[in-house]
């Protein structure tokens, strides 16, 4: 759940967990996260991603299990805190066993594992880690809170800022654990969206092996670019005699396992699925050969990236002006800033308020795909039903440029069409609308883009034709 929630929010992660077969989804971070998970299940049902029968099956299995394990008499008379202290050792042991068993070595083409295969005792190892927010209730999170409350005894804490320090602190113990396992030095530094800096290049040239940690590189594209840049530097290394000598590189994904799952250019790729202290201790054991990794990637991976992406489904929520207005303004700004040179974006003069008609004779419902944790919008779709003519219109549909080809637009379109079909008296559909006058259909200014968008709608099963009036919206059947 932790890894999933970073990419699609707790609600989306809950839906994926249910569809993966989980009957009970445990969330222990906060009451807000628990509410978000329940809301996610509700949205999953509304989006036809979860069936009511699936929920009933889980309920039946849970009740059957509870009938064998406990009763209300026992549940209402708990043993108290002393029993928890007795159970903690066995629970810790079970947690450690689970992490040890879940670490997955997706690839190890050059047999770099364990590290003793490629790293002499006195050689230096470089660890490069991103700045991430510490997991709730982790040692790093507690330490940051303590320093913030006490004024921090570390001078650097005030100078560099709490966010930077907290990001570095997450993987600090990983570096120390790696160092304790060997006599050679472990060099550890962070990387950011600024990319590979001269400091990184100097450390890479100095070290005999490199470990790069990523956390949702598909969402944080700078991590993907940084890792690929480091891989290129490691590939282009030469010995003192002028012979090409590739430097050992290990990439570790500590959140989403799919950062480089399909990228065979990353020869050694490991997934931990989490970056809690226990998960990182298990990683160190795998790196040094203390345990043999037995984990496997969840589900199956298609070698065809387009095939893989077409199977993705996103939770589509109804637009909430109070909650989503600022995020929609940010999404519109991102799209206009990424417009092709010389091309004017249809959204250049629009804002979140532009899509709200607030007219009694028009039923409007708008939809978003969002990260419920960060509140960022990945896509937006507006729909209008004009009662007088029985016309249902998709007023606009757009997706964050950095998240295209992930089926976000497909999910928004399907939800919009289902909603319009439910309108009483609907006679026709159209793409674009005179009200609000933002988007009159597929743009005609760029011929290649127009061709691409027409093909996209055709792939969704639309029969599309141009309205005889050049200023009228395009019609869909």
Protein backbone atom coordinates (compact mmCIF):
# COMPACT_ATOMS: atom_id res chain seq x y z
CA UNK A 1 0.00 0.00 0.00
CA UNK A 2 2.81 2.44 0.84
CA UNK A 3 4.38 2.12 -2.59
CA UNK A 4 1.05 2.33 -4.40
CA UNK A 5 -0.17 5.36 -2.49
CA UNK A 6 2.78 7.50 -3.57
CA UNK A 7 1.77 7.19 -7.19
CA UNK A 8 -2.03 7.15 -7.21
CA UNK A 9 -2.99 8.02 -3.66
CA UNK A 10 -4.26 5.85 -0.85
CA UNK A 11 -7.69 5.48 -2.50
CA UNK A 12 -6.24 4.17 -5.75
CA UNK A 13 -3.87 1.87 -3.88
CA UNK A 14 -6.80 0.42 -1.94
CA UNK A 15 -8.66 -0.39 -5.17
CA UNK A 16 -5.59 -2.12 -6.59
CA UNK A 17 -5.19 -4.12 -3.37
CA UNK A 18 -8.82 -5.28 -3.50
CA UNK A 19 -8.51 -6.27 -7.16
CA UNK A 20 -5.29 -8.11 -6.36
CA UNK A 21 -7.26 -10.34 -3.99
CA UNK A 22 -6.90 -8.67 -0.60
CA UNK A 23 -9.90 -9.22 1.66
CA UNK A 24 -8.58 -6.93 4.41
CA UNK A 25 -6.65 -3.74 3.70
CA UNK A 26 -4.73 -2.48 6.74
CA UNK A 27 -3.96 1.24 7.04
CA UNK A 28 -2.27 2.44 10.21
CA UNK A 29 -0.94 5.89 9.29
CA UNK A 30 -3.81 8.21 10.19
CA UNK A 31 -7.57 8.48 10.38
CA UNK A 32 -7.52 10.67 7.26
CA UNK A 33 -5.79 7.90 5.30
CA UNK A 34 -8.35 5.39 6.51
CA UNK A 35 -11.20 7.65 5.36
CA UNK A 36 -9.44 8.06 2.01
CA UNK A 37 -9.20 4.28 1.62
CA UNK A 38 -12.94 3.86 2.26
CA UNK A 39 -13.66 6.63 -0.22
CA UNK A 40 -11.40 4.87 -2.72
CA UNK A 41 -13.44 1.65 -2.48
CA UNK A 42 -16.64 3.65 -3.04
CA UNK A 43 -15.10 5.30 -6.12
CA UNK A 44 -13.89 1.92 -7.34
CA UNK A 45 -17.46 0.64 -7.33
CA UNK A 46 -18.75 3.80 -9.05
CA UNK A 47 -16.07 3.44 -11.74
CA UNK A 48 -16.90 -0.27 -12.25
CA UNK A 49 -13.40 -1.22 -11.15
CA UNK A 50 -14.76 -3.23 -8.20
CA UNK A 51 -18.00 -5.20 -8.28
CA UNK A 52 -20.37 -5.43 -5.36
CA UNK A 53 -20.11 -9.21 -5.62
CA UNK A 54 -16.35 -8.91 -5.05
CA UNK A 55 -17.02 -6.99 -1.80
CA UNK A 56 -19.55 -9.61 -0.70
CA UNK A 57 -17.04 -12.40 -1.31
CA UNK A 58 -14.45 -10.67 0.87
CA UNK A 59 -17.03 -10.03 3.59
CA UNK A 60 -18.02 -13.70 3.61
CA UNK A 61 -14.40 -14.84 3.93
CA UNK A 62 -13.65 -12.30 6.68
CA UNK A 63 -16.70 -13.29 8.71
CA UNK A 64 -15.83 -16.96 8.33
CA UNK A 65 -12.30 -16.31 9.58
CA UNK A 66 -13.54 -14.21 12.53
CA UNK A 67 -15.96 -16.92 13.58
CA UNK A 68 -13.02 -19.28 13.99
CA UNK A 69 -10.73 -16.86 15.80
CA UNK A 70 -12.73 -14.71 18.19
CA UNK A 71 -16.10 -13.69 19.57
CA UNK A 72 -17.65 -10.45 20.82
CA UNK A 73 -17.11 -11.62 24.40
CA UNK A 74 -13.38 -11.95 23.78
CA UNK A 75 -13.14 -8.84 21.63
CA UNK A 76 -14.75 -6.64 24.29
CA UNK A 77 -12.40 -7.91 26.99
CA UNK A 78 -8.91 -7.34 25.57
CA UNK A 79 -5.86 -8.51 27.50
CA UNK A 80 -4.37 -5.03 27.56
CA UNK A 81 -0.94 -3.50 26.94
CA UNK A 82 1.09 -6.23 28.74
CA UNK A 83 0.03 -8.74 26.11
CA UNK A 84 1.23 -6.39 23.33
CA UNK A 85 4.74 -6.40 24.79
CA UNK A 86 4.66 -10.19 24.75
CA UNK A 87 3.49 -10.30 21.15
CA UNK A 88 5.94 -7.69 19.85
CA UNK A 89 8.96 -10.04 19.45
CA UNK A 90 6.97 -12.52 17.37
CA UNK A 91 5.42 -9.71 15.31
CA UNK A 92 8.85 -8.15 14.68
CA UNK A 93 10.19 -11.54 13.65
CA UNK A 94 7.28 -12.02 11.25
CA UNK A 95 7.78 -8.53 9.79
CA UNK A 96 11.49 -9.16 9.22
CA UNK A 97 10.74 -12.50 7.59
CA UNK A 98 8.21 -10.85 5.27
CA UNK A 99 10.66 -8.15 4.17
CA UNK A 100 13.49 -10.67 3.72
CA UNK A 101 11.24 -12.79 1.52
CA UNK A 102 9.84 -9.92 -0.55
CA UNK A 103 13.09 -8.33 -1.81
CA UNK A 104 13.12 -8.96 -5.58
CA UNK A 105 16.15 -9.10 -7.85
CA UNK A 106 14.53 -8.45 -11.23
CA UNK A 107 17.81 -8.62 -13.17
CA UNK A 108 21.46 -9.22 -12.44
CA UNK A 109 22.98 -9.59 -15.90
CA UNK A 110 26.62 -9.12 -14.92
CA UNK A 111 26.32 -11.06 -11.62
CA UNK A 112 27.12 -8.07 -9.44
CA UNK A 113 25.43 -9.68 -6.42
CA UNK A 114 26.63 -10.14 -3.81
CA UNK A 115 28.81 -7.03 -3.85
CA UNK A 116 31.84 -9.05 -2.79
CA UNK A 117 31.89 -10.40 -6.36
CA UNK A 118 32.89 -7.03 -7.81
CA UNK A 119 34.17 -4.94 -4.89
CA UNK A 120 37.49 -5.46 -3.18
CA UNK A 121 37.69 -4.95 0.58
CA UNK A 122 39.37 -1.53 0.44
CA UNK A 123 37.53 -0.11 -2.59
CA UNK A 124 34.97 2.66 -2.21
CA UNK A 125 31.22 2.23 -2.76
CA UNK A 126 29.01 5.17 -3.79
CA UNK A 127 25.38 5.44 -2.67
CA UNK A 128 23.17 8.00 -4.47
CA UNK A 129 19.69 8.60 -2.98
CA UNK A 130 16.76 10.95 -3.76
CA UNK A 131 15.20 13.36 -1.29
CA UNK A 132 11.95 11.81 -0.09
CA UNK A 133 9.57 12.40 2.77
CA UNK A 134 10.22 10.04 5.71
CA UNK A 135 7.57 7.35 6.25
CA UNK A 136 5.17 8.22 9.05
CA UNK A 137 6.25 6.89 12.49
CA UNK A 138 9.72 6.01 11.15
CA UNK A 139 12.90 6.76 13.07
CA UNK A 140 13.78 9.46 10.54
CA UNK A 141 10.38 11.10 10.96
CA UNK A 142 10.62 11.03 14.76
CA UNK A 143 14.13 12.49 14.65
CA UNK A 144 13.03 15.37 12.44
CA UNK A 145 10.15 16.18 14.79
CA UNK A 146 12.46 16.10 17.80
CA UNK A 147 14.99 18.43 16.15
CA UNK A 148 12.22 20.80 15.07
CA UNK A 149 10.78 20.93 18.59
CA UNK A 150 14.11 21.37 20.36
CA UNK A 151 15.65 23.86 17.98
CA UNK A 152 17.94 21.13 16.54
CA UNK A 153 21.44 20.68 17.94
CA UNK A 154 22.72 20.28 14.38
CA UNK A 155 23.73 23.68 12.90
CA UNK A 156 23.17 22.37 9.39
CA UNK A 157 19.55 21.69 10.17
CA UNK A 158 18.67 25.38 10.24
CA UNK A 159 20.97 26.31 7.40
CA UNK A 160 19.78 23.76 4.87
CA UNK A 161 16.11 23.52 5.78
CA UNK A 162 13.98 20.83 7.33
CA UNK A 163 12.78 19.37 4.02
CA UNK A 164 16.31 18.73 2.73
CA UNK A 165 17.51 17.30 6.01
CA UNK A 166 14.49 15.02 6.33
CA UNK A 167 15.02 13.74 2.79
CA UNK A 168 18.66 12.95 3.43
CA UNK A 169 17.92 11.37 6.79
CA UNK A 170 15.64 8.72 5.25
CA UNK A 171 18.57 6.88 3.67
CA UNK A 172 21.30 7.89 6.10
CA UNK A 173 20.98 4.64 8.06
CA UNK A 174 21.14 2.68 4.80
CA UNK A 175 24.55 4.21 4.11
CA UNK A 176 25.70 3.39 7.64
CA UNK A 177 24.46 -0.20 7.35
CA UNK A 178 26.34 -0.63 4.08
CA UNK A 179 29.49 0.77 5.73
CA UNK A 180 29.25 -1.57 8.72
CA UNK A 181 29.38 -4.59 6.43
CA UNK A 182 32.75 -3.78 4.88
CA UNK A 183 36.15 -2.28 5.57
CA UNK A 184 36.13 0.04 2.54
CA UNK A 185 34.48 3.46 2.65
CA UNK A 186 30.89 4.13 1.62
CA UNK A 187 30.36 7.51 -0.02
CA UNK A 188 26.78 8.77 0.32
CA UNK A 189 25.16 11.84 -1.19
CA UNK A 190 21.70 12.87 -2.42
CA UNK A 191 20.49 13.95 -5.85
CA UNK A 192 17.68 16.29 -6.88
CA UNK A 193 15.90 17.60 -9.97
CA UNK A 194 19.10 19.56 -10.72
CA UNK A 195 20.48 16.35 -12.25
CA UNK A 196 24.04 15.06 -12.30
CA UNK A 197 26.28 17.74 -10.83
CA UNK A 198 30.11 17.93 -10.92
CA UNK A 199 30.12 16.59 -7.35
CA UNK A 200 28.28 13.48 -8.50
CA UNK A 201 30.62 12.98 -11.46
CA UNK A 202 33.69 13.24 -9.21
CA UNK A 203 32.28 10.69 -6.76
CA UNK A 204 31.29 8.30 -9.56
CA UNK A 205 34.82 8.45 -11.02
CA UNK A 206 36.28 7.92 -7.57
CA UNK A 207 34.12 4.95 -6.49
CA UNK A 208 34.59 1.37 -7.66
CA UNK A 209 30.85 0.58 -7.68
CA UNK A 210 27.67 2.67 -7.60
CA UNK A 211 24.22 2.12 -6.07
CA UNK A 212 21.39 4.44 -7.20
CA UNK A 213 18.14 4.45 -5.23
CA UNK A 214 14.87 5.55 -6.91
CA UNK A 215 11.44 6.19 -5.39
CA UNK A 216 8.66 6.34 -8.01
CA UNK A 217 10.88 7.34 -10.92
CA UNK A 218 7.86 7.10 -13.24
CA UNK A 219 6.21 9.91 -11.29
CA UNK A 220 9.38 11.85 -10.45
CA UNK A 221 10.90 11.94 -13.91
CA UNK A 222 14.11 13.61 -12.72
CA UNK A 223 14.99 10.36 -10.93
CA UNK A 224 14.67 8.40 -14.16
CA UNK A 225 16.83 10.91 -16.05
CA UNK A 226 19.44 11.00 -13.28
CA UNK A 227 19.68 7.21 -13.16
CA UNK A 228 20.05 6.92 -16.93
CA UNK A 229 22.76 9.59 -16.88
CA UNK A 230 24.67 7.76 -14.15
CA UNK A 231 24.30 4.50 -16.09
CA UNK A 232 25.82 6.18 -19.15
CA UNK A 233 28.76 7.48 -17.11
CA UNK A 234 29.35 4.02 -15.62
CA UNK A 235 29.27 2.45 -19.09
CA UNK A 236 31.85 4.88 -20.51
CA UNK A 237 34.56 4.22 -17.92
CA UNK A 238 38.11 3.34 -19.06
CA UNK A 239 41.05 1.74 -17.34
CA UNK A 240 44.44 3.44 -16.98
CA UNK A 241 45.56 1.49 -20.05
CA UNK A 242 42.79 2.95 -22.18
CA UNK A 243 40.61 -0.16 -22.19
CA UNK A 244 36.87 0.22 -21.76
CA UNK A 245 35.82 -0.96 -18.31
CA UNK A 246 32.19 -0.69 -17.29
CA UNK A 247 31.73 0.37 -13.67
CA UNK A 248 29.33 -1.84 -11.64
CA UNK A 249 25.96 -0.13 -11.20
CA UNK A 250 23.05 -1.38 -9.08
CA UNK A 251 19.67 0.37 -9.21
CA UNK A 252 17.30 -0.13 -6.27
CA UNK A 253 13.61 0.85 -6.51
CA UNK A 254 12.31 1.41 -2.97
CA UNK A 255 8.72 2.25 -3.84
CA UNK A 256 7.05 1.36 -7.16
CA UNK A 257 8.72 -1.79 -8.54
CA UNK A 258 8.14 -0.68 -12.13
CA UNK A 259 10.62 2.22 -12.31
CA UNK A 260 13.02 0.25 -14.57
CA UNK A 261 11.28 -3.13 -14.75
CA UNK A 262 11.08 -2.92 -18.56
CA UNK A 263 14.41 -1.14 -19.09
CA UNK A 264 16.96 -3.85 -19.83
CA UNK A 265 19.75 -1.25 -20.07
CA UNK A 266 19.77 -1.27 -16.26
CA UNK A 267 21.62 -4.55 -15.85
CA UNK A 268 21.15 -5.05 -12.10
CA UNK A 269 17.77 -4.01 -10.75
CA UNK A 270 16.39 -4.66 -7.24
CA UNK A 271 12.98 -3.84 -5.73
CA UNK A 272 12.24 -3.43 -2.01
CA UNK A 273 8.66 -2.04 -2.33
CA UNK A 274 9.21 0.16 0.73
CA UNK A 275 11.88 2.25 2.45
CA UNK A 276 11.14 1.58 6.09
CA UNK A 277 14.09 0.71 8.32
CA UNK A 278 13.26 -3.01 8.18
CA UNK A 279 13.04 -3.02 4.38
CA UNK A 280 16.42 -1.30 4.00
CA UNK A 281 18.08 -3.69 6.46
CA UNK A 282 16.80 -6.57 4.32
CA UNK A 283 18.22 -4.82 1.24
CA UNK A 284 21.67 -4.67 2.82
CA UNK A 285 21.50 -8.39 3.58
CA UNK A 286 20.69 -9.11 -0.06
CA UNK A 287 23.46 -6.84 -1.34
CA UNK A 288 26.07 -8.65 0.75
CA UNK A 289 24.72 -12.16 0.24
CA UNK A 290 23.52 -12.75 3.81
CA UNK A 291 20.11 -13.83 2.43
CA UNK A 292 19.07 -15.13 -0.97
CA UNK A 293 16.32 -12.98 -2.54
CA UNK A 294 13.15 -14.95 -3.28
CA UNK A 295 10.65 -12.17 -4.07
CA UNK A 296 8.85 -11.76 -7.39
CA UNK A 297 7.24 -8.78 -9.12
CA UNK A 298 3.49 -8.59 -8.53
CA UNK A 299 1.45 -9.58 -11.57
CA UNK A 300 3.02 -10.02 -14.99
CA UNK A 301 4.98 -7.64 -17.18
CA UNK A 302 4.34 -7.29 -20.88
CA UNK A 303 7.33 -6.61 -23.10
CA UNK A 304 5.00 -4.40 -25.12
CA UNK A 305 4.81 -1.10 -23.24
CA UNK A 306 1.70 0.02 -25.14
CA UNK A 307 -0.06 -3.23 -24.24
CA UNK A 308 0.87 -2.77 -20.59
CA UNK A 309 -0.37 0.81 -20.46
CA UNK A 310 -3.70 0.06 -22.15
CA UNK A 311 -4.70 -2.15 -19.23
CA UNK A 312 -4.37 0.58 -16.64
CA UNK A 313 -7.49 1.97 -14.99
CA UNK A 314 -7.67 5.12 -12.93
CA UNK A 315 -10.06 6.21 -10.25
CA UNK A 316 -12.20 9.02 -11.69
CA UNK A 317 -13.77 11.40 -9.17
CA UNK A 318 -16.35 14.14 -9.53
CA UNK A 319 -14.73 17.58 -9.63
CA UNK A 320 -15.04 19.43 -6.32
CA UNK A 321 -14.50 23.16 -6.79
CA UNK A 322 -13.37 23.81 -3.22
CA UNK A 323 -10.94 20.89 -3.25
CA UNK A 324 -9.72 20.88 -6.87
CA UNK A 325 -9.84 24.49 -8.16
CA UNK A 326 -6.24 25.38 -7.32
CA UNK A 327 -4.95 22.04 -8.63
CA UNK A 328 -6.89 22.53 -11.88
CA UNK A 329 -5.36 25.98 -12.32
CA UNK A 330 -1.92 24.39 -11.87
CA UNK A 331 -2.75 21.68 -14.43
CA UNK A 332 -3.94 24.27 -16.97
CA UNK A 333 -0.74 26.27 -16.43
CA UNK A 334 1.38 23.16 -16.96
CA UNK A 335 -0.38 22.35 -20.23
CA UNK A 336 -0.13 25.89 -21.64
CA UNK A 337 3.56 26.07 -20.74
CA UNK A 338 4.19 22.78 -22.56
CA UNK A 339 2.47 23.86 -25.79
CA UNK A 340 4.49 23.34 -28.98
CA UNK A 341 6.55 26.35 -30.12
CA UNK A 342 4.45 28.62 -32.31
CA UNK A 343 1.22 26.91 -31.30
CA UNK A 344 -1.33 28.64 -29.08
CA UNK A 345 -2.95 26.37 -26.50
CA UNK A 346 -6.77 26.33 -26.41
CA UNK A 347 -6.42 26.68 -22.62
CA UNK A 348 -4.19 29.75 -22.69
CA UNK A 349 -6.91 32.08 -21.35
CA UNK A 350 -8.79 29.52 -19.25
CA UNK A 351 -8.93 28.96 -15.51
CA UNK A 352 -10.71 26.50 -13.26
CA UNK A 353 -13.69 28.87 -13.12
CA UNK A 354 -14.02 28.92 -16.91
CA UNK A 355 -15.63 25.48 -17.03
CA UNK A 356 -18.44 26.27 -14.57
CA UNK A 357 -21.63 27.49 -16.31
CA UNK A 358 -23.99 27.49 -13.31
CA UNK A 359 -27.08 27.62 -15.54
CA UNK A 360 -30.39 26.00 -14.56
CA UNK A 361 -31.08 24.57 -18.02
CA UNK A 362 -27.65 22.91 -18.24
CA UNK A 363 -26.64 19.92 -16.11
CA UNK A 364 -22.88 19.96 -15.66
CA UNK A 365 -20.69 17.29 -14.08
CA UNK A 366 -16.93 17.43 -14.32
CA UNK A 367 -14.41 14.72 -13.52
CA UNK A 368 -10.79 14.50 -12.37
CA UNK A 369 -8.08 11.92 -11.94
CA UNK A 370 -5.99 13.05 -9.00
CA UNK A 371 -3.42 11.94 -6.50
CA UNK A 372 -5.48 11.99 -3.32
CA UNK A 373 -2.34 12.29 -1.20
CA UNK A 374 -0.68 15.26 -2.94
CA UNK A 375 -3.97 16.69 -4.35
CA UNK A 376 -2.30 17.07 -7.77
CA UNK A 377 -4.58 16.62 -10.80
CA UNK A 378 -3.43 14.25 -13.54
CA UNK A 379 -6.40 14.87 -15.84
CA UNK A 380 -9.70 16.76 -16.18
CA UNK A 381 -12.88 16.29 -18.19
CA UNK A 382 -15.95 18.55 -18.29
CA UNK A 383 -19.42 17.38 -19.37
CA UNK A 384 -22.63 19.31 -20.04
CA UNK A 385 -26.16 18.17 -20.77
CA UNK A 386 -28.34 20.74 -22.53
CA UNK A 387 -31.92 19.88 -21.59
CA UNK A 388 -33.57 21.88 -24.38
CA UNK A 389 -31.87 19.94 -27.19
CA UNK A 390 -31.08 16.65 -25.44
CA UNK A 391 -27.40 17.12 -26.27
CA UNK A 392 -24.64 15.72 -24.12
CA UNK A 393 -21.26 17.38 -24.59
CA UNK A 394 -17.73 16.65 -23.54
CA UNK A 395 -16.66 20.23 -23.07
CA UNK A 396 -12.96 19.54 -22.55
CA UNK A 397 -10.62 16.63 -21.86
CA UNK A 398 -6.96 17.12 -21.07
CA UNK A 399 -4.14 15.33 -19.24
CA UNK A 400 -0.89 16.40 -17.63
CA UNK A 401 1.73 16.23 -20.45
CA UNK A 402 4.11 14.25 -18.22
CA UNK A 403 1.47 11.56 -17.63
CA UNK A 404 0.13 10.94 -21.09
CA UNK A 405 -0.13 7.43 -22.59
CA UNK A 406 -1.11 6.05 -19.19
CA UNK A 407 -4.83 5.63 -20.00
CA UNK A 408 -5.83 8.61 -17.84
CA UNK A 409 -7.73 10.20 -20.75
CA UNK A 410 -9.34 6.85 -21.54
CA UNK A 411 -10.62 6.50 -17.96
CA UNK A 412 -11.98 10.07 -17.95
CA UNK A 413 -13.71 9.57 -21.30
CA UNK A 414 -15.41 6.33 -20.22
CA UNK A 415 -16.73 7.92 -17.02
CA UNK A 416 -17.97 10.98 -18.95
CA UNK A 417 -19.85 8.89 -21.52
CA UNK A 418 -21.44 6.70 -18.83
CA UNK A 419 -22.66 9.82 -17.04
CA UNK A 420 -24.11 11.41 -20.18
CA UNK A 421 -25.88 8.16 -21.12
CA UNK A 422 -27.72 8.30 -17.81
CA UNK A 423 -29.21 11.72 -18.56
CA UNK A 424 -32.93 11.49 -19.16
CA UNK A 425 -33.82 12.59 -22.68
CA UNK A 426 -30.30 12.42 -24.16
CA UNK A 427 -30.43 12.27 -27.99
CA UNK A 428 -26.90 12.99 -29.20
CA UNK A 429 -23.32 13.52 -28.12
CA UNK A 430 -20.80 16.07 -29.24
CA UNK A 431 -17.14 16.80 -28.63
CA UNK A 432 -16.71 20.42 -27.67
CA UNK A 433 -19.30 23.01 -26.75
CA UNK A 434 -20.10 26.62 -27.55
CA UNK A 435 -20.70 27.10 -23.82
CA UNK A 436 -18.25 27.65 -22.32
CA UNK A 437 -16.44 28.83 -25.44
CA UNK A 438 -13.09 27.25 -24.62
CA UNK A 439 -13.05 24.12 -26.71
CA UNK A 440 -15.15 23.65 -29.89
CA UNK A 441 -13.85 20.18 -30.65
CA UNK A 442 -10.64 18.68 -31.95
CA UNK A 443 -8.19 21.56 -32.68
CA UNK A 444 -7.60 22.20 -36.37
CA UNK A 445 -4.52 24.43 -36.16
CA UNK A 446 -2.02 21.56 -36.05
CA UNK A 447 -2.73 18.91 -38.70
CA UNK A 448 -0.59 16.18 -37.12
CA UNK A 449 -2.11 16.75 -33.68
CA UNK A 450 -5.59 16.78 -35.19
CA UNK A 451 -4.91 13.46 -36.91
CA UNK A 452 -3.59 11.94 -33.69
CA UNK A 453 -6.61 13.04 -31.66
CA UNK A 454 -9.08 11.77 -34.25
CA UNK A 455 -7.34 8.39 -34.18
CA UNK A 456 -7.43 8.42 -30.37
CA UNK A 457 -11.20 8.92 -30.28
CA UNK A 458 -11.65 6.34 -33.04
CA UNK A 459 -9.77 3.79 -30.93
CA UNK A 460 -12.34 4.40 -28.18
CA UNK A 461 -15.09 3.27 -30.56
CA UNK A 462 -16.37 6.71 -31.59
CA UNK A 463 -17.92 7.31 -34.96
CA UNK A 464 -16.76 10.82 -35.61
CA UNK A 465 -17.62 13.34 -38.29
CA UNK A 466 -17.07 17.02 -38.87
CA UNK A 467 -20.03 19.31 -38.36
CA UNK A 468 -21.00 21.17 -41.56
CA UNK A 469 -20.64 24.44 -39.68
CA UNK A 470 -16.92 25.26 -39.12
CA UNK A 471 -17.73 27.03 -35.85
CA UNK A 472 -19.91 24.20 -34.49
CA UNK A 473 -18.69 21.40 -32.24
CA UNK A 474 -17.75 17.99 -33.71
CA UNK A 475 -20.33 15.24 -33.30
CA UNK A 476 -19.84 11.79 -31.77
CA UNK A 477 -22.06 8.77 -32.28
